[in-house]
């Protein structure tokens, strides 16, 4: 059964998929916690909190640090003031630039669907010089809903030319949230295994899994032509 006819839209998650942003997020989180005399969190702790957007991130931090829930909003605001343009510690995963270039050269419309707010999303894309590769960007504050609700991914696919009511396309992500989102639309998921996922690969619904972006263009073509 053909997943999508060429040129097939390919939409990407951002954090944990195209970029490892956990070190920048970790640094900004701990800078804010220092201001309220809370001991720092480890990088692994913060990495485990990433994926649901800034509000979910800080809800998890509040629980982990036993801070009052009333502190969440001001701490989020202090975090965003630091993080909105933080790019120094963020890295593209190996092979990302090459894979995006191959897919673009083959005519695939490319999009981004992330729970990260738009301002830091655009800042990191500009930092790496890849913003122009994406025909649409749906961020965590673009719509009332965020992933795993299907609306953001459906909006991204529709902006790339897919039918709004029955979109065809491919989603590339790394996490449980991305797997749930793809299943809700539904579209096939290409699961990047080196991101922030905590669940075993075999327990997440996906079309194919890959551990290096060198493999992605061939997997996309397989999905389009099978």
C-alpha atoms as a PDB file:
ATOM      1  CA  UNK A   1       0.000   0.000   0.000  1.00  0.00           C
ATOM      2  CA  UNK A   2       1.427   3.376  -1.002  1.00  0.00           C
ATOM      3  CA  UNK A   3       1.901   5.729   1.941  1.00  0.00           C
ATOM      4  CA  UNK A   4       2.126   8.903  -0.101  1.00  0.00           C
ATOM      5  CA  UNK A   5       2.470   9.862  -3.746  1.00  0.00           C
ATOM      6  CA  UNK A   6       5.506  11.892  -4.773  1.00  0.00           C
ATOM      7  CA  UNK A   7       6.288  14.654  -4.089  1.00  0.00           C
ATOM      8  CA  UNK A   8       5.434  13.535  -0.583  1.00  0.00           C
ATOM      9  CA  UNK A   9       5.440  16.104   2.244  1.00  0.00           C
ATOM     10  CA  UNK A  10       7.895  15.261   5.028  1.00  0.00           C
ATOM     11  CA  UNK A  11       7.377  16.990   8.383  1.00  0.00           C
ATOM     12  CA  UNK A  12       9.964  16.929  11.158  1.00  0.00           C
ATOM     13  CA  UNK A  13       9.897  17.276  14.903  1.00  0.00           C
ATOM     14  CA  UNK A  14      12.727  19.523  16.145  1.00  0.00           C
ATOM     15  CA  UNK A  15      14.105  18.815  19.645  1.00  0.00           C
ATOM     16  CA  UNK A  16      15.552  15.323  19.844  1.00  0.00           C
ATOM     17  CA  UNK A  17      15.007  14.805  16.116  1.00  0.00           C
ATOM     18  CA  UNK A  18      16.905  17.415  14.117  1.00  0.00           C
ATOM     19  CA  UNK A  19      18.712  19.011  17.044  1.00  0.00           C
ATOM     20  CA  UNK A  20      20.044  18.064  20.454  1.00  0.00           C
ATOM     21  CA  UNK A  21      18.938  21.154  22.358  1.00  0.00           C
ATOM     22  CA  UNK A  22      18.964  19.564  25.810  1.00  0.00           C
ATOM     23  CA  UNK A  23      22.271  21.217  26.887  1.00  0.00           C
ATOM     24  CA  UNK A  24      20.913  24.727  26.176  1.00  0.00           C
ATOM     25  CA  UNK A  25      17.604  23.951  27.869  1.00  0.00           C
ATOM     26  CA  UNK A  26      19.476  22.449  30.831  1.00  0.00           C
ATOM     27  CA  UNK A  27      21.670  25.541  31.197  1.00  0.00           C
ATOM     28  CA  UNK A  28      18.697  27.910  31.078  1.00  0.00           C
ATOM     29  CA  UNK A  29      16.697  25.821  33.558  1.00  0.00           C
ATOM     30  CA  UNK A  30      19.511  25.733  36.080  1.00  0.00           C
ATOM     31  CA  UNK A  31      20.179  29.451  35.704  1.00  0.00           C
ATOM     32  CA  UNK A  32      16.564  30.095  36.697  1.00  0.00           C
ATOM     33  CA  UNK A  33      16.682  27.585  39.566  1.00  0.00           C
ATOM     34  CA  UNK A  34      19.799  29.256  40.942  1.00  0.00           C
ATOM     35  CA  UNK A  35      17.876  32.516  41.166  1.00  0.00           C
ATOM     36  CA  UNK A  36      15.398  30.878  43.574  1.00  0.00           C
ATOM     37  CA  UNK A  37      18.070  28.933  45.504  1.00  0.00           C
ATOM     38  CA  UNK A  38      17.051  25.512  44.191  1.00  0.00           C
ATOM     39  CA  UNK A  39      19.785  22.895  43.599  1.00  0.00           C
ATOM     40  CA  UNK A  40      20.524  22.280  39.899  1.00  0.00           C
ATOM     41  CA  UNK A  41      19.031  19.417  37.940  1.00  0.00           C
ATOM     42  CA  UNK A  42      21.165  17.017  35.934  1.00  0.00           C
ATOM     43  CA  UNK A  43      21.265  17.033  32.156  1.00  0.00           C
ATOM     44  CA  UNK A  44      19.600  13.606  32.078  1.00  0.00           C
ATOM     45  CA  UNK A  45      16.780  14.859  34.296  1.00  0.00           C
ATOM     46  CA  UNK A  46      16.086  17.847  32.068  1.00  0.00           C
ATOM     47  CA  UNK A  47      16.389  15.762  28.905  1.00  0.00           C
ATOM     48  CA  UNK A  48      13.718  13.468  30.305  1.00  0.00           C
ATOM     49  CA  UNK A  49      11.383  16.448  30.823  1.00  0.00           C
ATOM     50  CA  UNK A  50      11.596  17.693  27.202  1.00  0.00           C
ATOM     51  CA  UNK A  51       8.884  17.026  24.646  1.00  0.00           C
ATOM     52  CA  UNK A  52       5.578  18.481  25.733  1.00  0.00           C
ATOM     53  CA  UNK A  53       6.428  22.162  25.416  1.00  0.00           C
ATOM     54  CA  UNK A  54       7.612  24.758  27.926  1.00  0.00           C
ATOM     55  CA  UNK A  55       4.586  24.447  30.206  1.00  0.00           C
ATOM     56  CA  UNK A  56       4.988  20.668  30.501  1.00  0.00           C
ATOM     57  CA  UNK A  57       8.745  21.082  31.005  1.00  0.00           C
ATOM     58  CA  UNK A  58       8.219  23.437  33.937  1.00  0.00           C
ATOM     59  CA  UNK A  59       5.394  21.422  35.438  1.00  0.00           C
ATOM     60  CA  UNK A  60       7.794  18.474  35.598  1.00  0.00           C
ATOM     61  CA  UNK A  61      10.521  20.681  37.084  1.00  0.00           C
ATOM     62  CA  UNK A  62       8.116  22.016  39.729  1.00  0.00           C
ATOM     63  CA  UNK A  63       7.203  18.462  40.722  1.00  0.00           C
ATOM     64  CA  UNK A  64      10.830  17.293  40.759  1.00  0.00           C
ATOM     65  CA  UNK A  65      12.044  20.240  42.861  1.00  0.00           C
ATOM     66  CA  UNK A  66       8.993  20.433  45.167  1.00  0.00           C
ATOM     67  CA  UNK A  67       8.473  24.097  44.352  1.00  0.00           C
ATOM     68  CA  UNK A  68       4.997  25.586  44.841  1.00  0.00           C
ATOM     69  CA  UNK A  69       2.797  25.386  41.749  1.00  0.00           C
ATOM     70  CA  UNK A  70       2.253  29.137  42.024  1.00  0.00           C
ATOM     71  CA  UNK A  71       5.902  29.580  41.006  1.00  0.00           C
ATOM     72  CA  UNK A  72       5.456  27.922  37.614  1.00  0.00           C
ATOM     73  CA  UNK A  73       4.390  30.995  35.599  1.00  0.00           C
ATOM     74  CA  UNK A  74       7.111  33.368  36.824  1.00  0.00           C
ATOM     75  CA  UNK A  75       9.751  30.667  36.448  1.00  0.00           C
ATOM     76  CA  UNK A  76       8.577  29.944  32.903  1.00  0.00           C
ATOM     77  CA  UNK A  77       8.821  33.636  32.057  1.00  0.00           C
ATOM     78  CA  UNK A  78      12.351  33.842  33.485  1.00  0.00           C
ATOM     79  CA  UNK A  79      13.295  30.729  31.534  1.00  0.00           C
ATOM     80  CA  UNK A  80      11.964  32.064  28.230  1.00  0.00           C
ATOM     81  CA  UNK A  81      13.835  35.337  28.720  1.00  0.00           C
ATOM     82  CA  UNK A  82      17.052  33.304  28.831  1.00  0.00           C
ATOM     83  CA  UNK A  83      16.195  30.508  26.424  1.00  0.00           C
ATOM     84  CA  UNK A  84      14.438  32.317  23.562  1.00  0.00           C
ATOM     85  CA  UNK A  85      17.732  32.845  21.739  1.00  0.00           C
ATOM     86  CA  UNK A  86      19.963  30.184  23.326  1.00  0.00           C
ATOM     87  CA  UNK A  87      21.845  28.274  20.646  1.00  0.00           C
ATOM     88  CA  UNK A  88      25.462  28.020  21.845  1.00  0.00           C
ATOM     89  CA  UNK A  89      25.193  24.468  23.202  1.00  0.00           C
ATOM     90  CA  UNK A  90      22.680  23.086  20.671  1.00  0.00           C
ATOM     91  CA  UNK A  91      23.897  20.760  17.923  1.00  0.00           C
ATOM     92  CA  UNK A  92      22.427  19.295  14.764  1.00  0.00           C
ATOM     93  CA  UNK A  93      22.435  15.516  14.796  1.00  0.00           C
ATOM     94  CA  UNK A  94      24.972  14.009  12.380  1.00  0.00           C
ATOM     95  CA  UNK A  95      23.720  13.787   8.798  1.00  0.00           C
ATOM     96  CA  UNK A  96      20.767  16.154   9.260  1.00  0.00           C
ATOM     97  CA  UNK A  97      21.941  18.812   6.808  1.00  0.00           C
ATOM     98  CA  UNK A  98      22.741  16.260   4.148  1.00  0.00           C
ATOM     99  CA  UNK A  99      19.427  14.413   4.554  1.00  0.00           C
ATOM    100  CA  UNK A 100      17.393  17.623   4.395  1.00  0.00           C
ATOM    101  CA  UNK A 101      19.287  18.638   1.267  1.00  0.00           C
ATOM    102  CA  UNK A 102      18.675  15.309  -0.451  1.00  0.00           C
ATOM    103  CA  UNK A 103      14.961  15.340   0.338  1.00  0.00           C
ATOM    104  CA  UNK A 104      14.611  18.960  -0.823  1.00  0.00           C
ATOM    105  CA  UNK A 105      16.508  18.195  -4.032  1.00  0.00           C
ATOM    106  CA  UNK A 106      14.135  15.309  -4.700  1.00  0.00           C
ATOM    107  CA  UNK A 107      11.191  17.682  -4.488  1.00  0.00           C
ATOM    108  CA  UNK A 108       9.764  16.721  -1.119  1.00  0.00           C
ATOM    109  CA  UNK A 109       8.043  19.688   0.572  1.00  0.00           C
ATOM    110  CA  UNK A 110       9.566  19.926   4.054  1.00  0.00           C
ATOM    111  CA  UNK A 111       7.898  21.199   7.206  1.00  0.00           C
ATOM    112  CA  UNK A 112       8.430  21.452  10.926  1.00  0.00           C
ATOM    113  CA  UNK A 113       5.994  20.544  13.704  1.00  0.00           C
ATOM    114  CA  UNK A 114       7.347  21.144  17.191  1.00  0.00           C
ATOM    115  CA  UNK A 115       6.066  21.902  20.680  1.00  0.00           C
ATOM    116  CA  UNK A 116       8.904  24.405  21.076  1.00  0.00           C
ATOM    117  CA  UNK A 117       7.676  28.040  21.006  1.00  0.00           C
ATOM    118  CA  UNK A 118       8.134  29.898  17.721  1.00  0.00           C
ATOM    119  CA  UNK A 119      10.762  32.415  18.862  1.00  0.00           C
ATOM    120  CA  UNK A 120      13.410  29.879  19.980  1.00  0.00           C
ATOM    121  CA  UNK A 121      12.438  27.638  17.053  1.00  0.00           C
ATOM    122  CA  UNK A 122      13.226  30.350  14.511  1.00  0.00           C
ATOM    123  CA  UNK A 123      16.346  31.369  16.436  1.00  0.00           C
ATOM    124  CA  UNK A 124      17.864  27.892  16.282  1.00  0.00           C
ATOM    125  CA  UNK A 125      16.886  27.357  12.635  1.00  0.00           C
ATOM    126  CA  UNK A 126      18.500  30.683  11.727  1.00  0.00           C
ATOM    127  CA  UNK A 127      21.571  29.766  13.769  1.00  0.00           C
ATOM    128  CA  UNK A 128      22.085  26.685  11.617  1.00  0.00           C
ATOM    129  CA  UNK A 129      20.990  28.377   8.390  1.00  0.00           C
ATOM    130  CA  UNK A 130      18.195  25.900   7.661  1.00  0.00           C
ATOM    131  CA  UNK A 131      15.024  27.960   8.130  1.00  0.00           C
ATOM    132  CA  UNK A 132      14.527  28.412   4.379  1.00  0.00           C
ATOM    133  CA  UNK A 133      14.414  24.637   3.848  1.00  0.00           C
ATOM    134  CA  UNK A 134      11.017  24.442   5.547  1.00  0.00           C
ATOM    135  CA  UNK A 135       7.888  25.453   3.699  1.00  0.00           C
ATOM    136  CA  UNK A 136       5.947  25.693   6.946  1.00  0.00           C
ATOM    137  CA  UNK A 137       6.714  25.851  10.661  1.00  0.00           C
ATOM    138  CA  UNK A 138       4.069  24.925  13.226  1.00  0.00           C
ATOM    139  CA  UNK A 139       5.392  25.675  16.705  1.00  0.00           C
ATOM    140  CA  UNK A 140       4.066  25.045  20.177  1.00  0.00           C
ATOM    141  CA  UNK A 141       2.351  28.437  20.281  1.00  0.00           C
ATOM    142  CA  UNK A 142       1.050  28.446  16.688  1.00  0.00           C
ATOM    143  CA  UNK A 143      -2.279  26.792  17.552  1.00  0.00           C
ATOM    144  CA  UNK A 144      -4.388  26.290  20.674  1.00  0.00           C
ATOM    145  CA  UNK A 145      -3.427  22.599  20.554  1.00  0.00           C
ATOM    146  CA  UNK A 146       0.018  21.031  20.847  1.00  0.00           C
ATOM    147  CA  UNK A 147       1.262  17.547  19.993  1.00  0.00           C
ATOM    148  CA  UNK A 148       0.153  14.826  20.622  1.00  0.00           C
ATOM    149  CA  UNK A 149      -3.089  16.435  19.442  1.00  0.00           C
ATOM    150  CA  UNK A 150      -3.200  15.817  15.680  1.00  0.00           C
ATOM    151  CA  UNK A 151      -4.094  19.424  14.773  1.00  0.00           C
ATOM    152  CA  UNK A 152      -0.517  20.802  14.565  1.00  0.00           C
ATOM    153  CA  UNK A 153       0.731  18.008  12.317  1.00  0.00           C
ATOM    154  CA  UNK A 154      -2.397  18.165  10.183  1.00  0.00           C
ATOM    155  CA  UNK A 155      -1.864  21.925   9.815  1.00  0.00           C
ATOM    156  CA  UNK A 156       1.749  21.425   8.767  1.00  0.00           C
ATOM    157  CA  UNK A 157       0.828  18.800   6.180  1.00  0.00           C
ATOM    158  CA  UNK A 158      -2.020  20.924   4.803  1.00  0.00           C
ATOM    159  CA  UNK A 159       0.334  23.904   4.458  1.00  0.00           C
ATOM    160  CA  UNK A 160       2.600  21.693   2.350  1.00  0.00           C
ATOM    161  CA  UNK A 161      -0.231  20.739   0.008  1.00  0.00           C
ATOM    162  CA  UNK A 162      -1.798  17.691   1.637  1.00  0.00           C
ATOM    163  CA  UNK A 163      -5.576  17.331   1.810  1.00  0.00           C
ATOM    164  CA  UNK A 164      -6.685  18.763   5.177  1.00  0.00           C
ATOM    165  CA  UNK A 165      -9.268  16.060   5.866  1.00  0.00           C
ATOM    166  CA  UNK A 166      -7.163  13.065   4.791  1.00  0.00           C
ATOM    167  CA  UNK A 167      -3.534  14.192   4.739  1.00  0.00           C
ATOM    168  CA  UNK A 168      -0.863  12.084   3.117  1.00  0.00           C
ATOM    169  CA  UNK A 169       2.701  12.578   4.216  1.00  0.00           C
ATOM    170  CA  UNK A 170       5.477  11.368   6.492  1.00  0.00           C
ATOM    171  CA  UNK A 171       6.349  12.496  10.003  1.00  0.00           C
ATOM    172  CA  UNK A 172       9.891  12.203  11.366  1.00  0.00           C
ATOM    173  CA  UNK A 173      10.192  12.258  15.144  1.00  0.00           C
ATOM    174  CA  UNK A 174      11.970  10.769  18.125  1.00  0.00           C
ATOM    175  CA  UNK A 175       9.549  10.442  21.003  1.00  0.00           C
ATOM    176  CA  UNK A 176       6.446   8.899  22.464  1.00  0.00           C
ATOM    177  CA  UNK A 177       4.616  12.163  21.769  1.00  0.00           C
ATOM    178  CA  UNK A 178       5.627  12.021  18.107  1.00  0.00           C
ATOM    179  CA  UNK A 179       4.474   8.417  17.786  1.00  0.00           C
ATOM    180  CA  UNK A 180       1.108   9.287  19.332  1.00  0.00           C
ATOM    181  CA  UNK A 181       0.768  12.316  17.069  1.00  0.00           C
ATOM    182  CA  UNK A 182       1.511  10.394  13.884  1.00  0.00           C
ATOM    183  CA  UNK A 183      -0.940   7.665  14.863  1.00  0.00           C
ATOM    184  CA  UNK A 184      -3.653  10.238  15.582  1.00  0.00           C
ATOM    185  CA  UNK A 185      -3.464  11.923  12.145  1.00  0.00           C
ATOM    186  CA  UNK A 186      -2.750   9.161  10.899  1.00  0.00           C
ATOM    187  CA  UNK A 187       0.505   9.198   8.914  1.00  0.00           C
ATOM    188  CA  UNK A 188       3.557   6.923   9.050  1.00  0.00           C
ATOM    189  CA  UNK A 189       6.327   7.787  11.506  1.00  0.00           C
ATOM    190  CA  UNK A 190      10.022   7.552  10.767  1.00  0.00           C
ATOM    191  CA  UNK A 191      11.406   7.105  14.296  1.00  0.00           C
ATOM    192  CA  UNK A 192      14.849   8.555  15.032  1.00  0.00           C
ATOM    193  CA  UNK A 193      16.259   6.371  17.788  1.00  0.00           C
ATOM    194  CA  UNK A 194      18.996   8.685  19.132  1.00  0.00           C
ATOM    195  CA  UNK A 195      16.716  11.394  20.546  1.00  0.00           C
ATOM    196  CA  UNK A 196      14.800  11.774  23.800  1.00  0.00           C
ATOM    197  CA  UNK A 197      12.635   8.646  23.654  1.00  0.00           C
ATOM    198  CA  UNK A 198      12.288   6.636  26.878  1.00  0.00           C
ATOM    199  CA  UNK A 199      10.092   3.769  25.615  1.00  0.00           C
ATOM    200  CA  UNK A 200      11.679   0.818  23.778  1.00  0.00           C
ATOM    201  CA  UNK A 201      11.493   1.230  19.993  1.00  0.00           C
ATOM    202  CA  UNK A 202       9.470  -1.939  19.527  1.00  0.00           C
ATOM    203  CA  UNK A 203       6.737  -0.587  21.811  1.00  0.00           C
ATOM    204  CA  UNK A 204       6.112   2.531  19.692  1.00  0.00           C
ATOM    205  CA  UNK A 205       4.098   2.472  16.453  1.00  0.00           C
ATOM    206  CA  UNK A 206       6.329   3.429  13.528  1.00  0.00           C
ATOM    207  CA  UNK A 207       6.841   2.763   9.838  1.00  0.00           C
ATOM    208  CA  UNK A 208      10.617   2.517  10.166  1.00  0.00           C
ATOM    209  CA  UNK A 209      13.300   3.318  12.733  1.00  0.00           C
ATOM    210  CA  UNK A 210      16.744   4.755  12.023  1.00  0.00           C
ATOM    211  CA  UNK A 211      19.749   5.752  14.111  1.00  0.00           C
ATOM    212  CA  UNK A 212      21.544   8.012  11.611  1.00  0.00           C
ATOM    213  CA  UNK A 213      20.131  10.521   9.149  1.00  0.00           C
ATOM    214  CA  UNK A 214      22.117   8.948   6.317  1.00  0.00           C
ATOM    215  CA  UNK A 215      19.359   6.323   6.231  1.00  0.00           C
ATOM    216  CA  UNK A 216      16.380   8.670   6.067  1.00  0.00           C
ATOM    217  CA  UNK A 217      16.168   9.558   2.341  1.00  0.00           C
ATOM    218  CA  UNK A 218      16.069   5.880   1.352  1.00  0.00           C
ATOM    219  CA  UNK A 219      13.376   5.177   3.966  1.00  0.00           C
ATOM    220  CA  UNK A 220      11.270   8.034   2.644  1.00  0.00           C
ATOM    221  CA  UNK A 221      11.552   6.742  -0.912  1.00  0.00           C
ATOM    222  CA  UNK A 222      10.644   3.264   0.306  1.00  0.00           C
ATOM    223  CA  UNK A 223       7.514   4.644   1.946  1.00  0.00           C
ATOM    224  CA  UNK A 224       6.547   6.565  -1.188  1.00  0.00           C
ATOM    225  CA  UNK A 225       7.046   3.686  -3.608  1.00  0.00           C
ATOM    226  CA  UNK A 226       6.039   0.564  -1.694  1.00  0.00           C
END
